[in-house]
Amino acid sequence: MGLTGILIIILILIVLSAIKVLKEYERAVVFRLGRFNKVKGPGLFILWPGIDKMAKVSLRVIAMDVPPQDVITKDNISIKVNAVAYFRVFEPAKSILEVQDFLYATSQLSQTTLRSVLGEYELDDILGQREKINLRLQKILDQQTDPWGIKVSAVDIKHVDIPQDMQRAIARQAEAERERRAKVIHAEGELQAASKLNEAAKIISETPTGIQLRFLQTLGEIATEKNSTTIFPVPIDLFTPFLKKLSEKG
């Protein structure tokens, strides 16, 4: 093999090594002689050896765990909170040029933001307003990572670790609240029943035969209980019509 053949083989190897292929969700930030050139991909492109260098960036959504953070709430309760942040790169050039390691930077920013934001809330608010807090965390992180070409789509608080003594206090508080609601509901029921009984009494008092009809109805209900002996008072008014007829005959 002559010199020409060797040169051809070397040229083919150089061309083959210069050919790069990126997937649909990947981009290459290309530097030519140390200066930013352009963003390439997806698909096939040429990266000249010795002249061009690239940094590969994925555009897929990244789910990053935020490690448990020690937080002191507004009402001076020490808790541990962890979360998960969802973000993606929307400008590959900024994610490489503006920050050294956007994954590490986003992780550290998420931790400090989680501590500072939750420290502004009381424990009851943290437990009962998670959606509101999640939305606030997402907005703060998205604003701070926007110069890096990163879009934070969501932040979710996963778990709130509460001290044992505080858990017992919360359980007692919840039990007291349930008892209070039960008493209120019972009192409202008694009030409604008393109102209805008052209305019924007024209706019966306005009807001369109402009391007698109610008395007879009560006798019928007692008879259905299959009692062998029943003792009940009989109002004298019930016999008044019969006494009048006897006096007229006499």
Protein backbone atom coordinates (compact mmCIF):
# COMPACT_ATOMS: atom_id res chain seq x y z
CA MET A 1 0.00 0.00 0.00
CA GLY A 2 1.45 3.34 -1.06
CA LEU A 3 1.44 6.67 0.65
CA THR A 4 -1.67 7.69 -1.23
CA GLY A 5 -3.60 4.70 0.09
CA ILE A 6 -2.53 5.45 3.65
CA LEU A 7 -3.61 9.08 3.30
CA ILE A 8 -6.99 7.98 1.95
CA ILE A 9 -7.52 5.60 4.89
CA ILE A 10 -6.58 8.34 7.36
CA LEU A 11 -8.96 10.76 5.64
CA ILE A 12 -11.80 8.21 5.79
CA LEU A 13 -11.17 7.60 9.49
CA ILE A 14 -11.20 11.35 10.17
CA VAL A 15 -14.48 11.80 8.29
CA LEU A 16 -16.05 8.85 10.09
CA SER A 17 -14.98 10.19 13.48
CA ALA A 18 -16.38 13.59 12.55
CA ILE A 19 -19.86 12.20 11.88
CA LYS A 20 -22.13 12.51 14.92
CA VAL A 21 -25.72 11.41 15.40
CA LEU A 22 -28.06 12.73 18.08
CA LYS A 23 -31.43 11.41 19.17
CA GLU A 24 -34.63 13.44 18.85
CA TYR A 25 -34.45 14.65 22.47
CA GLU A 26 -30.73 15.54 22.36
CA ARG A 27 -28.91 18.70 21.33
CA ALA A 28 -25.20 19.49 20.94
CA VAL A 29 -23.75 22.84 22.01
CA VAL A 30 -20.80 23.18 19.61
CA PHE A 31 -17.64 25.17 20.36
CA ARG A 32 -15.23 25.93 17.51
CA LEU A 33 -11.71 26.76 18.66
CA GLY A 34 -13.09 27.52 22.11
CA ARG A 35 -15.84 29.88 20.99
CA PHE A 36 -19.53 29.08 20.94
CA ASN A 37 -20.56 28.22 17.38
CA LYS A 38 -24.12 26.88 17.28
CA VAL A 39 -26.55 24.31 18.64
CA LYS A 40 -26.86 21.21 16.47
CA GLY A 41 -29.17 18.22 16.37
CA PRO A 42 -31.10 16.09 16.29
CA GLY A 43 -29.92 13.72 13.57
CA LEU A 44 -26.59 13.62 11.71
CA PHE A 45 -24.01 16.42 11.62
CA ILE A 46 -20.24 16.93 11.24
CA LEU A 47 -17.97 17.74 14.17
CA TRP A 48 -14.44 18.36 12.96
CA PRO A 49 -11.81 16.66 15.18
CA GLY A 50 -9.34 19.03 16.81
CA ILE A 51 -11.42 22.05 15.84
CA ASP A 52 -14.90 21.47 17.23
CA LYS A 53 -15.97 20.26 20.64
CA MET A 54 -19.50 19.66 21.85
CA ALA A 55 -21.48 19.42 25.07
CA LYS A 56 -24.50 17.13 24.83
CA VAL A 57 -27.73 18.25 26.48
CA SER A 58 -30.99 16.32 26.96
CA LEU A 59 -34.29 18.16 26.49
CA ARG A 60 -36.37 15.61 28.40
CA VAL A 61 -38.07 16.40 31.69
CA ILE A 62 -35.85 15.63 34.69
CA ALA A 63 -37.39 14.48 37.98
CA MET A 64 -34.96 15.48 40.73
CA ASP A 65 -35.37 14.49 44.38
CA VAL A 66 -34.79 17.29 46.85
CA PRO A 67 -33.15 15.71 49.94
CA PRO A 68 -34.88 16.10 53.34
CA GLN A 69 -34.37 19.61 54.66
CA ASP A 70 -34.49 20.75 58.30
CA VAL A 71 -37.06 23.51 58.48
CA ILE A 72 -38.17 25.67 61.41
CA THR A 73 -41.72 26.80 60.77
CA LYS A 74 -43.15 30.21 61.58
CA ASP A 75 -44.58 28.84 64.84
CA ASN A 76 -41.12 27.48 65.85
CA ILE A 77 -41.68 23.78 65.12
CA SER A 78 -38.73 21.79 63.75
CA ILE A 79 -39.69 19.50 60.85
CA LYS A 80 -38.02 17.67 57.98
CA VAL A 81 -39.41 18.09 54.48
CA ASN A 82 -38.41 16.52 51.17
CA ALA A 83 -39.76 17.24 47.72
CA VAL A 84 -39.37 16.49 44.02
CA ALA A 85 -38.78 19.06 41.28
CA TYR A 86 -39.62 18.58 37.59
CA PHE A 87 -37.71 20.66 35.06
CA ARG A 88 -36.24 20.57 31.57
CA VAL A 89 -33.75 22.47 29.43
CA PHE A 90 -35.43 24.70 26.84
CA GLU A 91 -32.32 26.64 25.74
CA PRO A 92 -29.30 24.29 25.51
CA ALA A 93 -26.79 27.08 24.89
CA LYS A 94 -27.70 28.93 28.11
CA SER A 95 -27.63 25.74 30.18
CA ILE A 96 -23.98 25.30 29.20
CA LEU A 97 -22.77 28.89 28.90
CA GLU A 98 -24.50 30.50 31.90
CA VAL A 99 -23.92 27.90 34.62
CA GLN A 100 -21.15 25.37 35.24
CA ASP A 101 -23.39 22.41 36.16
CA PHE A 102 -27.09 23.14 35.78
CA LEU A 103 -28.15 19.89 37.51
CA TYR A 104 -26.11 20.63 40.64
CA ALA A 105 -27.09 24.31 40.60
CA THR A 106 -30.79 23.50 40.30
CA SER A 107 -30.55 20.96 43.11
CA GLN A 108 -28.88 23.44 45.49
CA LEU A 109 -31.33 26.17 44.56
CA SER A 110 -34.27 23.85 45.21
CA GLN A 111 -32.97 22.99 48.69
CA THR A 112 -32.42 26.58 49.79
CA THR A 113 -35.76 27.71 48.33
CA LEU A 114 -37.61 24.89 50.08
CA ARG A 115 -36.15 25.88 53.46
CA SER A 116 -36.74 29.60 53.05
CA VAL A 117 -40.32 29.33 51.74
CA LEU A 118 -41.56 26.76 54.28
CA GLY A 119 -40.03 28.82 57.09
CA GLU A 120 -42.61 31.51 56.32
CA TYR A 121 -45.57 29.20 57.06
CA GLU A 122 -47.01 27.69 60.22
CA LEU A 123 -47.23 23.91 60.51
CA ASP A 124 -51.00 23.81 59.97
CA ASP A 125 -50.61 25.78 56.74
CA ILE A 126 -47.85 23.47 55.50
CA LEU A 127 -50.06 20.44 56.11
CA GLY A 128 -53.24 21.97 54.74
CA GLN A 129 -52.06 24.21 51.88
CA ARG A 130 -49.62 22.01 49.97
CA GLU A 131 -50.96 22.91 46.55
CA LYS A 132 -50.56 26.62 47.25
CA ILE A 133 -47.02 26.13 48.59
CA ASN A 134 -46.07 23.86 45.67
CA LEU A 135 -47.20 26.52 43.21
CA ARG A 136 -45.20 29.20 45.00
CA LEU A 137 -42.06 27.02 45.03
CA GLN A 138 -42.47 26.33 41.31
CA LYS A 139 -42.78 30.03 40.45
CA ILE A 140 -39.74 31.03 42.52
CA LEU A 141 -37.53 28.29 41.06
CA ASP A 142 -38.72 28.97 37.53
CA GLN A 143 -37.85 32.65 37.81
CA GLN A 144 -34.38 31.93 39.19
CA THR A 145 -33.50 29.21 36.68
CA ASP A 146 -34.84 31.04 33.62
CA PRO A 147 -31.45 32.75 32.94
CA TRP A 148 -29.95 29.25 32.77
CA GLY A 149 -32.35 28.16 30.04
CA ILE A 150 -34.23 25.86 32.41
CA LYS A 151 -38.01 25.62 32.81
CA VAL A 152 -39.30 24.33 36.17
CA SER A 153 -42.72 22.83 35.46
CA ALA A 154 -43.68 21.58 38.94
CA VAL A 155 -42.50 21.16 42.52
CA ASP A 156 -44.26 18.71 44.86
CA ILE A 157 -43.72 18.32 48.59
CA LYS A 158 -43.45 14.56 49.16
CA HIS A 159 -43.27 14.10 52.91
CA VAL A 160 -43.38 16.20 56.07
CA ASP A 161 -41.69 14.52 59.05
CA ILE A 162 -43.20 15.84 62.31
CA PRO A 163 -41.79 15.14 65.82
CA GLN A 164 -43.59 12.47 67.84
CA ASP A 165 -44.82 14.84 70.56
CA MET A 166 -46.26 17.14 67.91
CA GLN A 167 -47.98 14.22 66.20
CA ARG A 168 -49.70 13.34 69.49
CA ALA A 169 -50.75 16.96 69.95
CA ILE A 170 -52.20 17.07 66.45
CA ALA A 171 -54.09 13.82 67.08
CA ARG A 172 -55.59 15.24 70.29
CA GLN A 173 -56.53 18.42 68.49
CA ALA A 174 -58.23 16.47 65.69
CA GLU A 175 -60.15 14.35 68.21
CA ALA A 176 -61.32 17.46 70.07
CA GLU A 177 -62.43 19.02 66.80
CA ARG A 178 -64.45 15.89 65.91
CA GLU A 179 -66.13 15.94 69.34
CA ARG A 180 -66.95 19.62 68.96
CA ARG A 181 -68.55 19.02 65.56
CA ALA A 182 -70.56 16.09 66.92
CA LYS A 183 -71.90 18.22 69.78
CA VAL A 184 -72.79 21.05 67.42
CA ILE A 185 -74.64 18.68 65.08
CA HIS A 186 -76.50 17.12 68.04
CA ALA A 187 -77.47 20.55 69.37
CA GLU A 188 -78.72 21.64 65.95
CA GLY A 189 -80.80 18.45 65.75
CA GLU A 190 -82.32 19.11 69.18
CA LEU A 191 -83.11 22.67 68.16
CA GLN A 192 -84.86 21.55 64.97
CA ALA A 193 -86.79 18.85 66.87
CA ALA A 194 -87.92 21.36 69.50
CA SER A 195 -89.08 23.74 66.80
CA LYS A 196 -91.11 21.02 65.09
CA LEU A 197 -92.64 19.88 68.41
CA ASN A 198 -93.62 23.47 69.17
CA GLU A 199 -95.34 23.75 65.78
CA ALA A 200 -97.14 20.43 66.34
CA ALA A 201 -98.31 21.52 69.79
CA LYS A 202 -99.74 24.74 68.39
CA ILE A 203 -101.62 22.83 65.65
CA ILE A 204 -103.05 20.31 68.13
CA SER A 205 -104.09 23.06 70.58
CA GLU A 206 -106.01 24.84 67.84
CA THR A 207 -107.99 21.65 66.95
CA PRO A 208 -110.55 20.50 69.60
CA THR A 209 -110.43 16.86 68.53
CA GLY A 210 -106.71 16.82 67.82
CA ILE A 211 -105.71 15.66 71.29
CA GLN A 212 -108.29 12.86 71.25
CA LEU A 213 -107.14 11.64 67.83
CA ARG A 214 -103.54 11.67 68.97
CA PHE A 215 -104.53 9.73 72.10
CA LEU A 216 -106.31 7.08 70.06
CA GLN A 217 -103.34 6.79 67.72
CA THR A 218 -101.06 6.23 70.71
CA LEU A 219 -103.38 3.46 71.97
CA GLY A 220 -103.12 1.74 68.59
CA GLU A 221 -99.34 1.88 68.71
CA ILE A 222 -99.31 0.39 72.23
CA ALA A 223 -101.64 -2.42 71.17
CA THR A 224 -99.25 -3.53 68.43
CA GLU A 225 -96.53 -4.24 71.01
CA LYS A 226 -98.42 -7.45 72.08
CA ASN A 227 -98.57 -6.48 75.75
CA SER A 228 -100.81 -8.70 77.90
CA THR A 229 -101.80 -5.87 80.25
CA THR A 230 -101.73 -2.15 79.48
CA ILE A 231 -102.57 0.55 82.01
CA PHE A 232 -103.13 4.03 80.68
CA PRO A 233 -104.93 7.17 81.84
CA VAL A 234 -108.16 8.12 80.09
CA PRO A 235 -108.97 11.81 79.83
CA ILE A 236 -112.46 12.63 81.07
CA ASP A 237 -113.06 14.78 78.02
CA LEU A 238 -113.17 11.61 75.95
CA PHE A 239 -116.42 10.54 77.70
CA THR A 240 -118.09 13.96 77.74
CA PRO A 241 -120.24 13.29 74.60
CA PHE A 242 -121.54 10.00 76.09
CA LEU A 243 -122.37 11.63 79.43
CA LYS A 244 -124.34 14.34 77.69
CA LYS A 245 -126.47 11.77 75.80
CA LEU A 246 -127.19 9.88 79.02
CA SER A 247 -128.30 13.06 80.78
CA GLU A 248 -130.58 13.98 77.88
CA LYS A 249 -132.28 10.54 78.00
CA GLY A 250 -132.75 10.80 81.72
